[in-house]
Amino acid sequence: MTTIAVVDYDMGNLHSACKGLENAGAVTHVTDSARELEQADAIVLPGVGAFDPAIQHLRSRDLIQPLKDIIASGKPFLGICLGLQILFDGSEEGNEPGLGVVPGMVRRFRHEPGITIPHMGWNQLDLTQPNLTLWQNLPPQSWMYFVHSYYADPADPHTTAATITHGSQTITAAIARDHLMAVQFHPEKSSTAGLQILSNFVALVNSQQLVGAS
């Protein structure tokens, strides 16, 4: 049975993410133990809130380097919302350095007439890596649920896996590189399409386990 470790660092309710993964057939294990993260088949890093407290909470649990090492190892990894942003070098929201595993910065939305900040509600994905496993069986331009005032700006545009448009701004909504994936939206709150994404991640992890066992 596939075990997916969900990182517990006091940055949001983990229940809905766990439930979505469990509905897709995974066993979830909420933990802040580096050893337990290393032993899991895959990692999910959810999160809501501000950038600096997230990094500080990870640091207080001695999880910064273990997370970097796990990502470098090629273990399947899914970041959600704030869990995407802290993968970057830093954020205009705060002063702490991010994990730095994805080159680039997290930036604040520009104010312009007719848009709301934070960007809150449903928006349609434009898939820039349409063949990504995470997007399998998704309807074209699926609607996902967002709540954020800042967005990831990768240094390498090829890292972007999906974009959205908010006002006149087209911004990164998801990134993917090898087995590292992260989304700005909340798949666990995004109805059937969001649950399909979680199911696709579980299927990816299962396929890796089969390859490893063969």
C-alpha atoms as a PDB file:
ATOM      1  CA  MET A   1       0.000   0.000   0.000  1.00  0.00           C
ATOM      2  CA  THR A   2       1.341   3.409  -0.980  1.00  0.00           C
ATOM      3  CA  THR A   3       2.161   5.683   1.953  1.00  0.00           C
ATOM      4  CA  ILE A   4       2.200   9.427   1.328  1.00  0.00           C
ATOM      5  CA  ALA A   5       3.640  11.583   4.084  1.00  0.00           C
ATOM      6  CA  VAL A   6       1.909  14.933   4.592  1.00  0.00           C
ATOM      7  CA  VAL A   7       4.237  17.481   6.172  1.00  0.00           C
ATOM      8  CA  ASP A   8       2.887  18.935   9.417  1.00  0.00           C
ATOM      9  CA  TYR A   9       4.408  22.356  10.171  1.00  0.00           C
ATOM     10  CA  ASP A  10       1.448  24.258  11.632  1.00  0.00           C
ATOM     11  CA  MET A  11       0.563  26.019   8.379  1.00  0.00           C
ATOM     12  CA  GLY A  12      -3.003  25.020   7.684  1.00  0.00           C
ATOM     13  CA  ASN A  13      -5.622  22.322   8.055  1.00  0.00           C
ATOM     14  CA  LEU A  14      -4.232  19.082   6.667  1.00  0.00           C
ATOM     15  CA  HIS A  15      -7.460  17.099   6.910  1.00  0.00           C
ATOM     16  CA  SER A  16      -8.896  17.953   3.487  1.00  0.00           C
ATOM     17  CA  ALA A  17      -5.646  17.182   1.662  1.00  0.00           C
ATOM     18  CA  CYS A  18      -5.371  13.851   3.474  1.00  0.00           C
ATOM     19  CA  LYS A  19      -8.977  12.966   2.699  1.00  0.00           C
ATOM     20  CA  GLY A  20      -8.516  13.660  -1.010  1.00  0.00           C
ATOM     21  CA  LEU A  21      -5.406  11.476  -1.154  1.00  0.00           C
ATOM     22  CA  GLU A  22      -7.102   8.701   0.828  1.00  0.00           C
ATOM     23  CA  ASN A  23     -10.092   8.773  -1.525  1.00  0.00           C
ATOM     24  CA  ALA A  24      -7.591   8.087  -4.318  1.00  0.00           C
ATOM     25  CA  GLY A  25      -6.356   4.971  -2.535  1.00  0.00           C
ATOM     26  CA  ALA A  26      -3.319   6.211  -0.618  1.00  0.00           C
ATOM     27  CA  VAL A  27      -2.482   5.771   3.032  1.00  0.00           C
ATOM     28  CA  THR A  28      -1.545   9.182   4.447  1.00  0.00           C
ATOM     29  CA  HIS A  29       0.740   9.816   7.377  1.00  0.00           C
ATOM     30  CA  VAL A  30       0.866  13.320   8.889  1.00  0.00           C
ATOM     31  CA  THR A  31       4.307  13.920  10.349  1.00  0.00           C
ATOM     32  CA  ASP A  32       7.026  16.444  11.123  1.00  0.00           C
ATOM     33  CA  SER A  33       9.698  13.737  11.443  1.00  0.00           C
ATOM     34  CA  ALA A  34      12.472  13.878   8.841  1.00  0.00           C
ATOM     35  CA  ARG A  35      13.033  10.135   9.182  1.00  0.00           C
ATOM     36  CA  GLU A  36       9.374   9.336   8.553  1.00  0.00           C
ATOM     37  CA  LEU A  37       9.358  11.651   5.529  1.00  0.00           C
ATOM     38  CA  GLU A  38      12.391   9.841   4.133  1.00  0.00           C
ATOM     39  CA  GLN A  39      10.689   6.454   4.613  1.00  0.00           C
ATOM     40  CA  ALA A  40       7.449   7.432   2.844  1.00  0.00           C
ATOM     41  CA  ASP A  41       6.778   6.649  -0.809  1.00  0.00           C
ATOM     42  CA  ALA A  42       5.953  10.279  -1.594  1.00  0.00           C
ATOM     43  CA  ILE A  43       5.637  13.671   0.065  1.00  0.00           C
ATOM     44  CA  VAL A  44       2.840  16.245   0.031  1.00  0.00           C
ATOM     45  CA  LEU A  45       3.657  19.711   1.366  1.00  0.00           C
ATOM     46  CA  PRO A  46       0.415  21.686   1.823  1.00  0.00           C
ATOM     47  CA  GLY A  47       0.133  25.083   3.457  1.00  0.00           C
ATOM     48  CA  VAL A  48      -1.803  28.315   3.857  1.00  0.00           C
ATOM     49  CA  GLY A  49      -0.618  31.568   5.360  1.00  0.00           C
ATOM     50  CA  ALA A  50       2.511  33.691   5.112  1.00  0.00           C
ATOM     51  CA  PHE A  51       5.908  32.819   3.658  1.00  0.00           C
ATOM     52  CA  ASP A  52       8.227  33.719   6.564  1.00  0.00           C
ATOM     53  CA  PRO A  53       6.339  31.790   9.288  1.00  0.00           C
ATOM     54  CA  ALA A  54       6.262  28.739   7.013  1.00  0.00           C
ATOM     55  CA  ILE A  55      10.044  28.743   6.629  1.00  0.00           C
ATOM     56  CA  GLN A  56      10.511  29.424  10.338  1.00  0.00           C
ATOM     57  CA  HIS A  57       8.254  26.526  11.294  1.00  0.00           C
ATOM     58  CA  LEU A  58      10.106  24.177   8.942  1.00  0.00           C
ATOM     59  CA  ARG A  59      13.435  25.362  10.367  1.00  0.00           C
ATOM     60  CA  SER A  60      12.273  24.853  13.954  1.00  0.00           C
ATOM     61  CA  ARG A  61      11.529  21.221  13.074  1.00  0.00           C
ATOM     62  CA  ASP A  62      14.902  20.755  11.298  1.00  0.00           C
ATOM     63  CA  LEU A  63      13.099  19.989   8.052  1.00  0.00           C
ATOM     64  CA  ILE A  64      14.756  22.427   5.620  1.00  0.00           C
ATOM     65  CA  GLN A  65      17.675  20.223   4.552  1.00  0.00           C
ATOM     66  CA  PRO A  66      15.739  16.934   4.724  1.00  0.00           C
ATOM     67  CA  LEU A  67      13.106  18.338   2.355  1.00  0.00           C
ATOM     68  CA  LYS A  68      15.828  19.516  -0.051  1.00  0.00           C
ATOM     69  CA  ASP A  69      17.446  16.077   0.084  1.00  0.00           C
ATOM     70  CA  ILE A  70      14.134  14.277  -0.484  1.00  0.00           C
ATOM     71  CA  ILE A  71      13.371  16.423  -3.522  1.00  0.00           C
ATOM     72  CA  ALA A  72      16.893  15.875  -4.892  1.00  0.00           C
ATOM     73  CA  SER A  73      16.459  12.108  -4.458  1.00  0.00           C
ATOM     74  CA  GLY A  74      13.637  12.030  -7.004  1.00  0.00           C
ATOM     75  CA  LYS A  75      10.910  10.917  -4.586  1.00  0.00           C
ATOM     76  CA  PRO A  76       7.492  12.076  -5.878  1.00  0.00           C
ATOM     77  CA  PHE A  77       6.693  15.429  -4.259  1.00  0.00           C
ATOM     78  CA  LEU A  78       3.571  17.583  -4.469  1.00  0.00           C
ATOM     79  CA  GLY A  79       3.426  21.104  -3.047  1.00  0.00           C
ATOM     80  CA  ILE A  80       0.047  22.781  -2.536  1.00  0.00           C
ATOM     81  CA  CYS A  81      -0.540  26.567  -2.294  1.00  0.00           C
ATOM     82  CA  LEU A  82       2.061  27.876   0.183  1.00  0.00           C
ATOM     83  CA  GLY A  83       3.805  24.529  -0.342  1.00  0.00           C
ATOM     84  CA  LEU A  84       4.552  25.689  -3.887  1.00  0.00           C
ATOM     85  CA  GLN A  85       5.803  29.130  -2.913  1.00  0.00           C
ATOM     86  CA  ILE A  86       8.365  28.008  -0.330  1.00  0.00           C
ATOM     87  CA  LEU A  87      10.135  25.893  -2.971  1.00  0.00           C
ATOM     88  CA  PHE A  88      11.448  29.129  -4.514  1.00  0.00           C
ATOM     89  CA  ASP A  89      14.443  31.316  -3.616  1.00  0.00           C
ATOM     90  CA  GLY A  90      12.382  33.877  -1.719  1.00  0.00           C
ATOM     91  CA  SER A  91       9.222  35.972  -1.640  1.00  0.00           C
ATOM     92  CA  GLU A  92       8.286  39.629  -1.820  1.00  0.00           C
ATOM     93  CA  GLU A  93       6.009  38.813   1.124  1.00  0.00           C
ATOM     94  CA  GLY A  94       8.884  38.368   3.568  1.00  0.00           C
ATOM     95  CA  ASN A  95      12.610  38.266   4.224  1.00  0.00           C
ATOM     96  CA  GLU A  96      13.327  34.590   4.818  1.00  0.00           C
ATOM     97  CA  PRO A  97      15.095  32.572   2.114  1.00  0.00           C
ATOM     98  CA  GLY A  98      12.968  29.833   0.578  1.00  0.00           C
ATOM     99  CA  LEU A  99      14.074  26.261   0.028  1.00  0.00           C
ATOM    100  CA  GLY A 100      15.687  27.341  -3.233  1.00  0.00           C
ATOM    101  CA  VAL A 101      15.005  24.082  -5.059  1.00  0.00           C
ATOM    102  CA  VAL A 102      13.237  25.972  -7.862  1.00  0.00           C
ATOM    103  CA  PRO A 103      15.082  29.093  -9.084  1.00  0.00           C
ATOM    104  CA  GLY A 104      12.887  32.183  -9.065  1.00  0.00           C
ATOM    105  CA  MET A 105      10.910  34.444  -6.769  1.00  0.00           C
ATOM    106  CA  VAL A 106       7.398  34.729  -5.380  1.00  0.00           C
ATOM    107  CA  ARG A 107       5.873  38.076  -6.326  1.00  0.00           C
ATOM    108  CA  ARG A 108       2.866  40.119  -5.303  1.00  0.00           C
ATOM    109  CA  PHE A 109       0.052  40.725  -7.773  1.00  0.00           C
ATOM    110  CA  ARG A 110       0.180  44.188  -9.345  1.00  0.00           C
ATOM    111  CA  HIS A 111      -2.762  46.402  -8.457  1.00  0.00           C
ATOM    112  CA  GLU A 112      -4.858  47.295 -11.472  1.00  0.00           C
ATOM    113  CA  PRO A 113      -8.461  48.399 -12.023  1.00  0.00           C
ATOM    114  CA  GLY A 114     -11.064  45.680 -11.683  1.00  0.00           C
ATOM    115  CA  ILE A 115      -9.050  42.926 -10.006  1.00  0.00           C
ATOM    116  CA  THR A 116      -9.214  41.777  -6.426  1.00  0.00           C
ATOM    117  CA  ILE A 117      -6.207  41.000  -4.243  1.00  0.00           C
ATOM    118  CA  PRO A 118      -6.112  38.405  -2.848  1.00  0.00           C
ATOM    119  CA  HIS A 119      -7.075  36.412  -5.897  1.00  0.00           C
ATOM    120  CA  MET A 120      -9.841  34.338  -4.346  1.00  0.00           C
ATOM    121  CA  GLY A 121     -12.191  31.953  -6.096  1.00  0.00           C
ATOM    122  CA  TRP A 122     -12.362  29.838  -9.234  1.00  0.00           C
ATOM    123  CA  ASN A 123     -10.125  30.251 -12.258  1.00  0.00           C
ATOM    124  CA  GLN A 124      -9.380  28.213 -15.370  1.00  0.00           C
ATOM    125  CA  LEU A 125      -6.086  26.455 -15.977  1.00  0.00           C
ATOM    126  CA  ASP A 126      -4.162  26.830 -19.224  1.00  0.00           C
ATOM    127  CA  LEU A 127      -1.927  23.750 -19.350  1.00  0.00           C
ATOM    128  CA  THR A 128       1.592  24.533 -20.561  1.00  0.00           C
ATOM    129  CA  GLN A 129       2.796  20.947 -19.935  1.00  0.00           C
ATOM    130  CA  PRO A 130      -0.337  19.229 -21.247  1.00  0.00           C
ATOM    131  CA  ASN A 131       1.153  15.722 -21.139  1.00  0.00           C
ATOM    132  CA  LEU A 132       2.030  15.929 -17.447  1.00  0.00           C
ATOM    133  CA  THR A 133       0.779  12.909 -15.479  1.00  0.00           C
ATOM    134  CA  LEU A 134      -0.854  15.274 -12.984  1.00  0.00           C
ATOM    135  CA  TRP A 135      -3.243  16.511 -15.707  1.00  0.00           C
ATOM    136  CA  GLN A 136      -4.425  13.149 -17.043  1.00  0.00           C
ATOM    137  CA  ASN A 137      -8.192  12.862 -17.604  1.00  0.00           C
ATOM    138  CA  LEU A 138      -8.779  16.537 -16.819  1.00  0.00           C
ATOM    139  CA  PRO A 139     -11.351  18.437 -18.906  1.00  0.00           C
ATOM    140  CA  PRO A 140      -9.849  21.234 -21.028  1.00  0.00           C
ATOM    141  CA  GLN A 141      -9.389  24.486 -19.096  1.00  0.00           C
ATOM    142  CA  SER A 142     -10.488  22.945 -15.808  1.00  0.00           C
ATOM    143  CA  TRP A 143     -11.638  25.244 -13.025  1.00  0.00           C
ATOM    144  CA  MET A 144      -9.588  25.265  -9.814  1.00  0.00           C
ATOM    145  CA  TYR A 145     -10.032  27.090  -6.510  1.00  0.00           C
ATOM    146  CA  PHE A 146      -7.449  29.738  -5.548  1.00  0.00           C
ATOM    147  CA  VAL A 147      -6.773  31.908  -2.491  1.00  0.00           C
ATOM    148  CA  HIS A 148      -3.521  33.900  -2.722  1.00  0.00           C
ATOM    149  CA  SER A 149      -2.000  37.381  -2.926  1.00  0.00           C
ATOM    150  CA  TYR A 150       1.389  36.225  -4.215  1.00  0.00           C
ATOM    151  CA  TYR A 151       2.395  34.013  -7.133  1.00  0.00           C
ATOM    152  CA  ALA A 152       5.464  32.049  -8.185  1.00  0.00           C
ATOM    153  CA  ASP A 153       7.678  33.472 -10.939  1.00  0.00           C
ATOM    154  CA  PRO A 154      10.115  30.716 -12.050  1.00  0.00           C
ATOM    155  CA  ALA A 155      13.426  31.775 -13.546  1.00  0.00           C
ATOM    156  CA  ASP A 156      13.025  29.018 -16.153  1.00  0.00           C
ATOM    157  CA  PRO A 157       9.637  29.387 -17.882  1.00  0.00           C
ATOM    158  CA  HIS A 158       9.765  25.717 -18.910  1.00  0.00           C
ATOM    159  CA  THR A 159       9.226  24.849 -15.223  1.00  0.00           C
ATOM    160  CA  THR A 160       5.679  26.225 -15.472  1.00  0.00           C
ATOM    161  CA  ALA A 161       3.119  23.455 -15.935  1.00  0.00           C
ATOM    162  CA  ALA A 162      -0.043  25.604 -16.001  1.00  0.00           C
ATOM    163  CA  THR A 163      -1.000  29.269 -15.950  1.00  0.00           C
ATOM    164  CA  ILE A 164      -4.058  31.355 -15.116  1.00  0.00           C
ATOM    165  CA  THR A 165      -5.075  34.882 -16.023  1.00  0.00           C
ATOM    166  CA  HIS A 166      -6.044  37.392 -13.341  1.00  0.00           C
ATOM    167  CA  GLY A 167      -6.834  40.815 -14.738  1.00  0.00           C
ATOM    168  CA  SER A 168      -4.167  41.481 -17.361  1.00  0.00           C
ATOM    169  CA  GLN A 169      -1.636  39.248 -15.618  1.00  0.00           C
ATOM    170  CA  THR A 170      -0.844  35.713 -16.721  1.00  0.00           C
ATOM    171  CA  ILE A 171       0.821  33.917 -13.844  1.00  0.00           C
ATOM    172  CA  THR A 172       2.135  30.477 -12.962  1.00  0.00           C
ATOM    173  CA  ALA A 173      -0.513  28.225 -11.410  1.00  0.00           C
ATOM    174  CA  ALA A 174       1.580  25.036 -11.294  1.00  0.00           C
ATOM    175  CA  ILE A 175       5.145  23.890 -11.780  1.00  0.00           C
ATOM    176  CA  ALA A 176       6.651  20.517 -12.657  1.00  0.00           C
ATOM    177  CA  ARG A 177      10.196  19.243 -13.029  1.00  0.00           C
ATOM    178  CA  ASP A 178      10.921  15.521 -13.007  1.00  0.00           C
ATOM    179  CA  HIS A 179       9.088  14.163  -9.910  1.00  0.00           C
ATOM    180  CA  LEU A 180       8.724  17.598  -8.294  1.00  0.00           C
ATOM    181  CA  MET A 181       5.246  19.073  -8.804  1.00  0.00           C
ATOM    182  CA  ALA A 182       3.447  21.914  -7.083  1.00  0.00           C
ATOM    183  CA  VAL A 183       0.199  23.809  -7.560  1.00  0.00           C
ATOM    184  CA  GLN A 184      -0.903  27.251  -6.380  1.00  0.00           C
ATOM    185  CA  PHE A 185      -4.558  26.229  -6.191  1.00  0.00           C
ATOM    186  CA  HIS A 186      -6.230  23.888  -3.710  1.00  0.00           C
ATOM    187  CA  PRO A 187      -7.022  20.596  -5.494  1.00  0.00           C
ATOM    188  CA  GLU A 188      -8.753  19.277  -2.375  1.00  0.00           C
ATOM    189  CA  LYS A 189     -11.239  22.183  -2.654  1.00  0.00           C
ATOM    190  CA  SER A 190     -11.582  22.052  -6.444  1.00  0.00           C
ATOM    191  CA  SER A 191     -14.403  19.525  -6.846  1.00  0.00           C
ATOM    192  CA  THR A 192     -14.081  16.592  -9.236  1.00  0.00           C
ATOM    193  CA  ALA A 193     -11.220  18.034 -11.290  1.00  0.00           C
ATOM    194  CA  GLY A 194      -9.141  18.731  -8.206  1.00  0.00           C
ATOM    195  CA  LEU A 195      -9.697  15.252  -6.842  1.00  0.00           C
ATOM    196  CA  GLN A 196      -8.645  13.878 -10.236  1.00  0.00           C
ATOM    197  CA  ILE A 197      -5.308  15.661  -9.813  1.00  0.00           C
ATOM    198  CA  LEU A 198      -4.778  14.050  -6.407  1.00  0.00           C
ATOM    199  CA  SER A 199      -5.756  10.689  -7.886  1.00  0.00           C
ATOM    200  CA  ASN A 200      -3.223  11.211 -10.684  1.00  0.00           C
ATOM    201  CA  PHE A 201      -0.509  11.924  -8.127  1.00  0.00           C
ATOM    202  CA  VAL A 202      -1.339   8.740  -6.233  1.00  0.00           C
ATOM    203  CA  ALA A 203      -1.264   6.791  -9.523  1.00  0.00           C
ATOM    204  CA  LEU A 204       2.168   8.252 -10.281  1.00  0.00           C
ATOM    205  CA  VAL A 205       3.459   7.171  -6.874  1.00  0.00           C
ATOM    206  CA  ASN A 206       2.001   3.677  -7.348  1.00  0.00           C
ATOM    207  CA  SER A 207       3.686   3.364 -10.749  1.00  0.00           C
ATOM    208  CA  GLN A 208       7.030   4.318  -9.220  1.00  0.00           C
ATOM    209  CA  GLN A 209       6.571   1.651  -6.562  1.00  0.00           C
ATOM    210  CA  LEU A 210       5.891  -0.956  -9.247  1.00  0.00           C
ATOM    211  CA  VAL A 211       9.018   0.077 -11.155  1.00  0.00           C
ATOM    212  CA  GLY A 212      11.069  -0.106  -7.955  1.00  0.00           C
ATOM    213  CA  ALA A 213       9.717  -3.563  -7.164  1.00  0.00           C
ATOM    214  CA  SER A 214      10.397  -5.016 -10.603  1.00  0.00           C
END
